[in-house]
Amino acid sequence: MPAVTVEVGLLSELEADERREILASMHRHSYAAGEVVFHEGDLADAVHFVIEGRVVAQRSSEHGDRLAYAVMGPGQAFGELAMIVRGGRRTATVEAVEPTVTLALRFADFERLCSRRPEVSRLLVRLLAARVSRLTDALMEALHTPAELRVVRSLVSLCGIYSTGAQERSPVAVTLNQTALAELAGVTRPTANRVLRRLESTGSVALDRGRVVVVDPAALRRAGGRG
């Protein structure tokens, strides 16, 4: 596989030779915008590390609707439960929001690496710790944060995923529609729209078809209590 110049966040604390061996075992995949990486219920046989682009994870509701609950971008991983047990099934559908490139590490390759180098198993610990942290944060938000504030904080989080270091204080285009943003915040679309219209009236965001442009990321962070 060609040398990877992009930092794979969850591999960063491994030793250089361990990281090289893992990267050499990975397989590169490219997805078009709207293409499904895997479906809920598919065989879970690999963990994916996002190199370019962004993906959205969706779960089926009791009514059969697919609801977005997380967006992942460069340096993040998804599908890590595939590393725990052979023959498991996907618990979510993951779809590319835009043209996306991932590096996938298959269960069999991970097992083989661990048998040769037991210290590589630290990667699984890091993957699971990151998942637990995300779930804990989401649970605390759902239990203790008012709905309108959740919309603002979801948008703040998305700013971090959609921006780069050079854009930290510049406008950030979040290419998700209001329905997806409402699902991520766990609120109704009218609630999300009301919050976004209020933010638009203060000049913090600009609404466009299929996306939200965060004009003033610093003001948005302050509105979400993150400034």
C-alpha atoms as a PDB file:
ATOM      1  CA  MET A   1       0.000   0.000   0.000  1.00  0.00           C
ATOM      2  CA  PRO A   2       1.344   3.524  -0.771  1.00  0.00           C
ATOM      3  CA  ALA A   3       2.709   5.527   2.123  1.00  0.00           C
ATOM      4  CA  VAL A   4       0.019   7.306   4.101  1.00  0.00           C
ATOM      5  CA  THR A   5       0.840  10.936   4.756  1.00  0.00           C
ATOM      6  CA  VAL A   6      -2.348  11.738   6.684  1.00  0.00           C
ATOM      7  CA  GLU A   7      -2.228  11.238  10.453  1.00  0.00           C
ATOM      8  CA  VAL A   8      -4.523   8.416  11.538  1.00  0.00           C
ATOM      9  CA  GLY A   9      -5.513   9.778  14.923  1.00  0.00           C
ATOM     10  CA  LEU A  10      -6.150   6.557  16.820  1.00  0.00           C
ATOM     11  CA  LEU A  11      -2.821   5.075  15.694  1.00  0.00           C
ATOM     12  CA  SER A  12      -0.776   8.046  16.822  1.00  0.00           C
ATOM     13  CA  GLU A  13       0.222   6.653  20.225  1.00  0.00           C
ATOM     14  CA  LEU A  14       1.514   3.348  18.857  1.00  0.00           C
ATOM     15  CA  GLU A  15       5.225   2.859  18.258  1.00  0.00           C
ATOM     16  CA  ALA A  16       6.358   3.795  14.754  1.00  0.00           C
ATOM     17  CA  ASP A  17       7.094   0.186  13.733  1.00  0.00           C
ATOM     18  CA  GLU A  18       3.717  -0.984  15.090  1.00  0.00           C
ATOM     19  CA  ARG A  19       1.955   1.790  13.176  1.00  0.00           C
ATOM     20  CA  ARG A  20       3.780   0.892   9.955  1.00  0.00           C
ATOM     21  CA  GLU A  21       2.840  -2.778  10.308  1.00  0.00           C
ATOM     22  CA  ILE A  22      -0.820  -1.956  10.884  1.00  0.00           C
ATOM     23  CA  LEU A  23      -0.935   0.460   7.949  1.00  0.00           C
ATOM     24  CA  ALA A  24       0.667  -2.182   5.722  1.00  0.00           C
ATOM     25  CA  SER A  25      -2.205  -4.551   6.608  1.00  0.00           C
ATOM     26  CA  MET A  26      -4.926  -2.049   5.743  1.00  0.00           C
ATOM     27  CA  HIS A  27      -6.918  -1.811   2.539  1.00  0.00           C
ATOM     28  CA  ARG A  28      -7.813   1.495   0.905  1.00  0.00           C
ATOM     29  CA  HIS A  29     -11.447   2.108  -0.081  1.00  0.00           C
ATOM     30  CA  SER A  30     -13.033   5.048  -1.889  1.00  0.00           C
ATOM     31  CA  TYR A  31     -16.719   5.982  -1.679  1.00  0.00           C
ATOM     32  CA  ALA A  32     -18.789   8.468  -3.640  1.00  0.00           C
ATOM     33  CA  ALA A  33     -21.115  10.905  -1.878  1.00  0.00           C
ATOM     34  CA  GLY A  34     -24.233   9.007  -0.850  1.00  0.00           C
ATOM     35  CA  GLU A  35     -22.591   5.592  -1.182  1.00  0.00           C
ATOM     36  CA  VAL A  36     -23.156   3.168   1.692  1.00  0.00           C
ATOM     37  CA  VAL A  37     -20.012   1.762   3.321  1.00  0.00           C
ATOM     38  CA  PHE A  38     -22.011  -0.958   5.069  1.00  0.00           C
ATOM     39  CA  HIS A  39     -25.598  -1.588   6.161  1.00  0.00           C
ATOM     40  CA  GLU A  40     -27.001  -2.321   9.588  1.00  0.00           C
ATOM     41  CA  GLY A  41     -27.057  -6.110   9.943  1.00  0.00           C
ATOM     42  CA  ASP A  42     -24.138  -6.732   7.533  1.00  0.00           C
ATOM     43  CA  LEU A  43     -21.304  -8.972   8.656  1.00  0.00           C
ATOM     44  CA  ALA A  44     -18.872  -6.899  10.744  1.00  0.00           C
ATOM     45  CA  ASP A  45     -15.475  -7.855   9.385  1.00  0.00           C
ATOM     46  CA  ALA A  46     -13.379  -4.663   9.456  1.00  0.00           C
ATOM     47  CA  VAL A  47     -12.813  -1.360  11.219  1.00  0.00           C
ATOM     48  CA  HIS A  48     -12.483   1.746   9.011  1.00  0.00           C
ATOM     49  CA  PHE A  49     -10.229   4.760   9.577  1.00  0.00           C
ATOM     50  CA  VAL A  50     -11.328   7.924   7.751  1.00  0.00           C
ATOM     51  CA  ILE A  51      -8.518   9.484   5.704  1.00  0.00           C
ATOM     52  CA  GLU A  52     -10.498  11.920   3.559  1.00  0.00           C
ATOM     53  CA  GLY A  53     -14.123  13.043   3.563  1.00  0.00           C
ATOM     54  CA  ARG A  54     -16.872  12.370   6.105  1.00  0.00           C
ATOM     55  CA  VAL A  55     -19.414   9.668   6.856  1.00  0.00           C
ATOM     56  CA  VAL A  56     -22.680   9.601   8.785  1.00  0.00           C
ATOM     57  CA  ALA A  57     -23.773   6.697  10.992  1.00  0.00           C
ATOM     58  CA  GLN A  58     -27.485   5.874  11.103  1.00  0.00           C
ATOM     59  CA  ARG A  59     -29.612   3.471  13.165  1.00  0.00           C
ATOM     60  CA  SER A  60     -33.062   2.124  12.364  1.00  0.00           C
ATOM     61  CA  SER A  61     -35.918   3.340  14.548  1.00  0.00           C
ATOM     62  CA  GLU A  62     -38.744   1.106  15.734  1.00  0.00           C
ATOM     63  CA  HIS A  63     -40.773   2.512  12.831  1.00  0.00           C
ATOM     64  CA  GLY A  64     -38.126   1.528  10.284  1.00  0.00           C
ATOM     65  CA  ASP A  65     -36.742   5.024   9.674  1.00  0.00           C
ATOM     66  CA  ARG A  66     -32.964   5.531   9.498  1.00  0.00           C
ATOM     67  CA  LEU A  67     -31.849   8.241  11.934  1.00  0.00           C
ATOM     68  CA  ALA A  68     -28.423   9.881  11.955  1.00  0.00           C
ATOM     69  CA  TYR A  69     -26.583   9.802  15.270  1.00  0.00           C
ATOM     70  CA  ALA A  70     -22.912  10.501  14.489  1.00  0.00           C
ATOM     71  CA  VAL A  71     -20.653  12.044  11.847  1.00  0.00           C
ATOM     72  CA  MET A  72     -17.000  10.998  11.517  1.00  0.00           C
ATOM     73  CA  GLY A  73     -14.210  12.754   9.650  1.00  0.00           C
ATOM     74  CA  PRO A  74     -10.463  12.435   9.049  1.00  0.00           C
ATOM     75  CA  GLY A  75      -8.555  10.842  11.924  1.00  0.00           C
ATOM     76  CA  GLN A  76     -11.635   9.082  13.316  1.00  0.00           C
ATOM     77  CA  ALA A  77     -12.659   5.424  13.128  1.00  0.00           C
ATOM     78  CA  PHE A  78     -15.930   3.542  12.830  1.00  0.00           C
ATOM     79  CA  GLY A  79     -16.986  -0.101  12.876  1.00  0.00           C
ATOM     80  CA  GLU A  80     -14.616  -0.915  15.744  1.00  0.00           C
ATOM     81  CA  LEU A  81     -16.944  -3.538  17.227  1.00  0.00           C
ATOM     82  CA  ALA A  82     -15.796  -5.744  14.336  1.00  0.00           C
ATOM     83  CA  MET A  83     -12.520  -6.187  16.241  1.00  0.00           C
ATOM     84  CA  ILE A  84     -14.197  -7.773  19.269  1.00  0.00           C
ATOM     85  CA  VAL A  85     -15.835 -10.908  17.950  1.00  0.00           C
ATOM     86  CA  ARG A  86     -15.650 -12.843  14.702  1.00  0.00           C
ATOM     87  CA  GLY A  87     -18.980 -13.114  12.910  1.00  0.00           C
ATOM     88  CA  GLY A  88     -20.626 -10.111  14.573  1.00  0.00           C
ATOM     89  CA  ARG A  89     -23.153  -7.942  12.752  1.00  0.00           C
ATOM     90  CA  ARG A  90     -23.135  -4.223  12.032  1.00  0.00           C
ATOM     91  CA  THR A  91     -25.238  -2.208  14.462  1.00  0.00           C
ATOM     92  CA  ALA A  92     -25.537   0.818  12.143  1.00  0.00           C
ATOM     93  CA  THR A  93     -25.596   1.874   8.514  1.00  0.00           C
ATOM     94  CA  VAL A  94     -22.683   4.114   7.543  1.00  0.00           C
ATOM     95  CA  GLU A  95     -22.945   6.328   4.463  1.00  0.00           C
ATOM     96  CA  ALA A  96     -20.459   8.700   2.853  1.00  0.00           C
ATOM     97  CA  VAL A  97     -21.639  12.317   3.133  1.00  0.00           C
ATOM     98  CA  GLU A  98     -19.116  13.377   0.483  1.00  0.00           C
ATOM     99  CA  PRO A  99     -16.348  11.653  -1.507  1.00  0.00           C
ATOM    100  CA  THR A 100     -14.560   9.668   1.191  1.00  0.00           C
ATOM    101  CA  VAL A 101     -11.451   7.519   1.530  1.00  0.00           C
ATOM    102  CA  THR A 102     -10.962   5.008   4.342  1.00  0.00           C
ATOM    103  CA  LEU A 103      -8.320   2.511   5.359  1.00  0.00           C
ATOM    104  CA  ALA A 104      -9.924  -0.735   6.526  1.00  0.00           C
ATOM    105  CA  LEU A 105      -8.333  -3.229   8.905  1.00  0.00           C
ATOM    106  CA  ARG A 106      -9.972  -6.653   8.718  1.00  0.00           C
ATOM    107  CA  PHE A 107     -10.650  -8.800  11.786  1.00  0.00           C
ATOM    108  CA  ALA A 108      -8.412 -11.621  10.480  1.00  0.00           C
ATOM    109  CA  ASP A 109      -5.508  -9.227   9.840  1.00  0.00           C
ATOM    110  CA  PHE A 110      -5.907  -7.679  13.292  1.00  0.00           C
ATOM    111  CA  GLU A 111      -5.887 -11.137  14.912  1.00  0.00           C
ATOM    112  CA  ARG A 112      -2.746 -12.070  12.982  1.00  0.00           C
ATOM    113  CA  LEU A 113      -1.009  -8.846  14.013  1.00  0.00           C
ATOM    114  CA  CYS A 114      -1.912  -9.407  17.673  1.00  0.00           C
ATOM    115  CA  SER A 115      -0.588 -12.964  17.589  1.00  0.00           C
ATOM    116  CA  ARG A 116       2.781 -11.700  16.338  1.00  0.00           C
ATOM    117  CA  ARG A 117       2.829  -8.485  18.365  1.00  0.00           C
ATOM    118  CA  PRO A 118       0.524  -8.599  21.417  1.00  0.00           C
ATOM    119  CA  GLU A 119       1.165  -4.912  22.096  1.00  0.00           C
ATOM    120  CA  VAL A 120      -0.878  -4.059  18.979  1.00  0.00           C
ATOM    121  CA  SER A 121      -3.979  -4.986  21.019  1.00  0.00           C
ATOM    122  CA  ARG A 122      -3.624  -1.513  22.571  1.00  0.00           C
ATOM    123  CA  LEU A 123      -5.262  -0.244  19.392  1.00  0.00           C
ATOM    124  CA  LEU A 124      -8.476  -2.041  20.297  1.00  0.00           C
ATOM    125  CA  VAL A 125      -8.388  -0.546  23.799  1.00  0.00           C
ATOM    126  CA  ARG A 126      -8.070   2.933  22.299  1.00  0.00           C
ATOM    127  CA  LEU A 127     -10.880   2.297  19.806  1.00  0.00           C
ATOM    128  CA  LEU A 128     -13.252   1.103  22.509  1.00  0.00           C
ATOM    129  CA  ALA A 129     -12.275   3.885  24.917  1.00  0.00           C
ATOM    130  CA  ALA A 130     -13.059   6.465  22.219  1.00  0.00           C
ATOM    131  CA  ARG A 131     -16.456   4.835  21.614  1.00  0.00           C
ATOM    132  CA  VAL A 132     -17.309   4.784  25.338  1.00  0.00           C
ATOM    133  CA  SER A 133     -16.337   8.452  25.615  1.00  0.00           C
ATOM    134  CA  ARG A 134     -18.585   9.396  22.682  1.00  0.00           C
ATOM    135  CA  LEU A 135     -21.513   7.415  24.078  1.00  0.00           C
ATOM    136  CA  THR A 136     -21.088   8.874  27.564  1.00  0.00           C
ATOM    137  CA  ASP A 137     -21.016  12.431  26.221  1.00  0.00           C
ATOM    138  CA  ALA A 138     -24.105  11.756  24.090  1.00  0.00           C
ATOM    139  CA  LEU A 139     -25.990  10.256  27.030  1.00  0.00           C
ATOM    140  CA  MET A 140     -25.182  13.189  29.316  1.00  0.00           C
ATOM    141  CA  GLU A 141     -26.296  15.642  26.632  1.00  0.00           C
ATOM    142  CA  ALA A 142     -29.565  13.764  26.087  1.00  0.00           C
ATOM    143  CA  LEU A 143     -30.354  13.558  29.811  1.00  0.00           C
ATOM    144  CA  HIS A 144     -29.298  16.976  31.048  1.00  0.00           C
ATOM    145  CA  THR A 145     -29.171  19.460  28.166  1.00  0.00           C
ATOM    146  CA  PRO A 146     -32.229  21.374  26.873  1.00  0.00           C
ATOM    147  CA  ALA A 147     -33.239  20.538  23.310  1.00  0.00           C
ATOM    148  CA  GLU A 148     -32.362  23.934  21.838  1.00  0.00           C
ATOM    149  CA  LEU A 149     -28.913  23.910  23.427  1.00  0.00           C
ATOM    150  CA  ARG A 150     -28.310  20.422  22.026  1.00  0.00           C
ATOM    151  CA  VAL A 151     -28.820  21.808  18.525  1.00  0.00           C
ATOM    152  CA  VAL A 152     -26.197  24.488  19.106  1.00  0.00           C
ATOM    153  CA  ARG A 153     -23.725  22.032  20.630  1.00  0.00           C
ATOM    154  CA  SER A 154     -24.248  19.539  17.811  1.00  0.00           C
ATOM    155  CA  LEU A 155     -23.405  22.284  15.347  1.00  0.00           C
ATOM    156  CA  VAL A 156     -20.315  23.219  17.388  1.00  0.00           C
ATOM    157  CA  SER A 157     -19.198  19.582  17.263  1.00  0.00           C
ATOM    158  CA  LEU A 158     -19.795  19.440  13.515  1.00  0.00           C
ATOM    159  CA  CYS A 159     -17.674  22.570  13.094  1.00  0.00           C
ATOM    160  CA  GLY A 160     -14.771  20.644  14.595  1.00  0.00           C
ATOM    161  CA  ILE A 161     -15.319  17.799  12.127  1.00  0.00           C
ATOM    162  CA  TYR A 162     -15.766  20.027   9.069  1.00  0.00           C
ATOM    163  CA  SER A 163     -13.069  22.613   9.762  1.00  0.00           C
ATOM    164  CA  THR A 164      -9.298  22.445   9.457  1.00  0.00           C
ATOM    165  CA  GLY A 165      -6.672  24.170  11.571  1.00  0.00           C
ATOM    166  CA  ALA A 166      -6.460  26.989   9.058  1.00  0.00           C
ATOM    167  CA  GLN A 167     -10.232  27.472   9.257  1.00  0.00           C
ATOM    168  CA  GLU A 168     -10.472  27.651  13.026  1.00  0.00           C
ATOM    169  CA  ARG A 169     -11.721  31.247  12.966  1.00  0.00           C
ATOM    170  CA  SER A 170     -13.066  31.270   9.407  1.00  0.00           C
ATOM    171  CA  PRO A 171     -16.556  30.320   8.202  1.00  0.00           C
ATOM    172  CA  VAL A 172     -17.184  26.576   8.164  1.00  0.00           C
ATOM    173  CA  ALA A 173     -19.616  24.908   5.743  1.00  0.00           C
ATOM    174  CA  VAL A 174     -21.391  21.948   7.340  1.00  0.00           C
ATOM    175  CA  THR A 175     -22.819  19.996   4.415  1.00  0.00           C
ATOM    176  CA  LEU A 176     -25.748  18.415   6.243  1.00  0.00           C
ATOM    177  CA  ASN A 177     -29.400  19.368   5.942  1.00  0.00           C
ATOM    178  CA  GLN A 178     -31.584  20.459   8.849  1.00  0.00           C
ATOM    179  CA  THR A 179     -33.215  17.042   9.138  1.00  0.00           C
ATOM    180  CA  ALA A 180     -29.841  15.365   9.705  1.00  0.00           C
ATOM    181  CA  LEU A 181     -28.823  18.056  12.190  1.00  0.00           C
ATOM    182  CA  ALA A 182     -32.084  17.543  14.105  1.00  0.00           C
ATOM    183  CA  GLU A 183     -31.465  13.784  14.232  1.00  0.00           C
ATOM    184  CA  LEU A 184     -27.909  14.273  15.487  1.00  0.00           C
ATOM    185  CA  ALA A 185     -29.188  16.585  18.244  1.00  0.00           C
ATOM    186  CA  GLY A 186     -32.079  14.281  19.100  1.00  0.00           C
ATOM    187  CA  VAL A 187     -34.726  16.949  18.496  1.00  0.00           C
ATOM    188  CA  THR A 188     -37.562  17.529  16.040  1.00  0.00           C
ATOM    189  CA  ARG A 189     -36.879  19.312  12.757  1.00  0.00           C
ATOM    190  CA  PRO A 190     -39.064  22.321  13.744  1.00  0.00           C
ATOM    191  CA  THR A 191     -36.953  22.743  16.897  1.00  0.00           C
ATOM    192  CA  ALA A 192     -33.730  22.596  14.883  1.00  0.00           C
ATOM    193  CA  ASN A 193     -35.122  25.074  12.355  1.00  0.00           C
ATOM    194  CA  ARG A 194     -36.169  27.492  15.109  1.00  0.00           C
ATOM    195  CA  VAL A 195     -32.691  27.433  16.651  1.00  0.00           C
ATOM    196  CA  LEU A 196     -30.978  27.830  13.303  1.00  0.00           C
ATOM    197  CA  ARG A 197     -33.218  30.783  12.357  1.00  0.00           C
ATOM    198  CA  ARG A 198     -32.344  32.463  15.652  1.00  0.00           C
ATOM    199  CA  LEU A 199     -28.632  31.891  15.036  1.00  0.00           C
ATOM    200  CA  GLU A 200     -29.052  33.242  11.508  1.00  0.00           C
ATOM    201  CA  SER A 201     -30.671  36.405  12.873  1.00  0.00           C
ATOM    202  CA  THR A 202     -27.589  37.059  15.039  1.00  0.00           C
ATOM    203  CA  GLY A 203     -25.201  36.513  12.125  1.00  0.00           C
ATOM    204  CA  SER A 204     -23.678  33.347  13.609  1.00  0.00           C
ATOM    205  CA  VAL A 205     -24.817  31.089  10.765  1.00  0.00           C
ATOM    206  CA  ALA A 206     -26.129  31.343   7.222  1.00  0.00           C
ATOM    207  CA  LEU A 207     -28.654  28.789   5.967  1.00  0.00           C
ATOM    208  CA  ASP A 208     -28.348  27.339   2.491  1.00  0.00           C
ATOM    209  CA  ARG A 209     -29.967  24.409   0.740  1.00  0.00           C
ATOM    210  CA  GLY A 210     -28.494  21.196   2.105  1.00  0.00           C
ATOM    211  CA  ARG A 211     -25.960  22.890   4.354  1.00  0.00           C
ATOM    212  CA  VAL A 212     -25.369  25.291   7.225  1.00  0.00           C
ATOM    213  CA  VAL A 213     -22.520  27.792   6.993  1.00  0.00           C
ATOM    214  CA  VAL A 214     -21.165  28.717  10.402  1.00  0.00           C
ATOM    215  CA  VAL A 215     -20.132  32.312   9.778  1.00  0.00           C
ATOM    216  CA  ASP A 216     -18.745  32.950  13.268  1.00  0.00           C
ATOM    217  CA  PRO A 217     -17.483  29.713  14.911  1.00  0.00           C
ATOM    218  CA  ALA A 218     -16.333  31.578  18.045  1.00  0.00           C
ATOM    219  CA  ALA A 219     -19.788  33.103  18.592  1.00  0.00           C
ATOM    220  CA  LEU A 220     -21.383  29.697  18.074  1.00  0.00           C
ATOM    221  CA  ARG A 221     -19.090  28.128  20.682  1.00  0.00           C
ATOM    222  CA  ARG A 222     -20.039  30.863  23.138  1.00  0.00           C
ATOM    223  CA  ALA A 223     -23.726  30.252  22.438  1.00  0.00           C
ATOM    224  CA  GLY A 224     -23.182  26.584  23.207  1.00  0.00           C
ATOM    225  CA  GLY A 225     -21.263  27.307  26.396  1.00  0.00           C
ATOM    226  CA  ARG A 226     -18.048  26.011  24.822  1.00  0.00           C
ATOM    227  CA  GLY A 227     -16.295  29.331  24.262  1.00  0.00           C
END
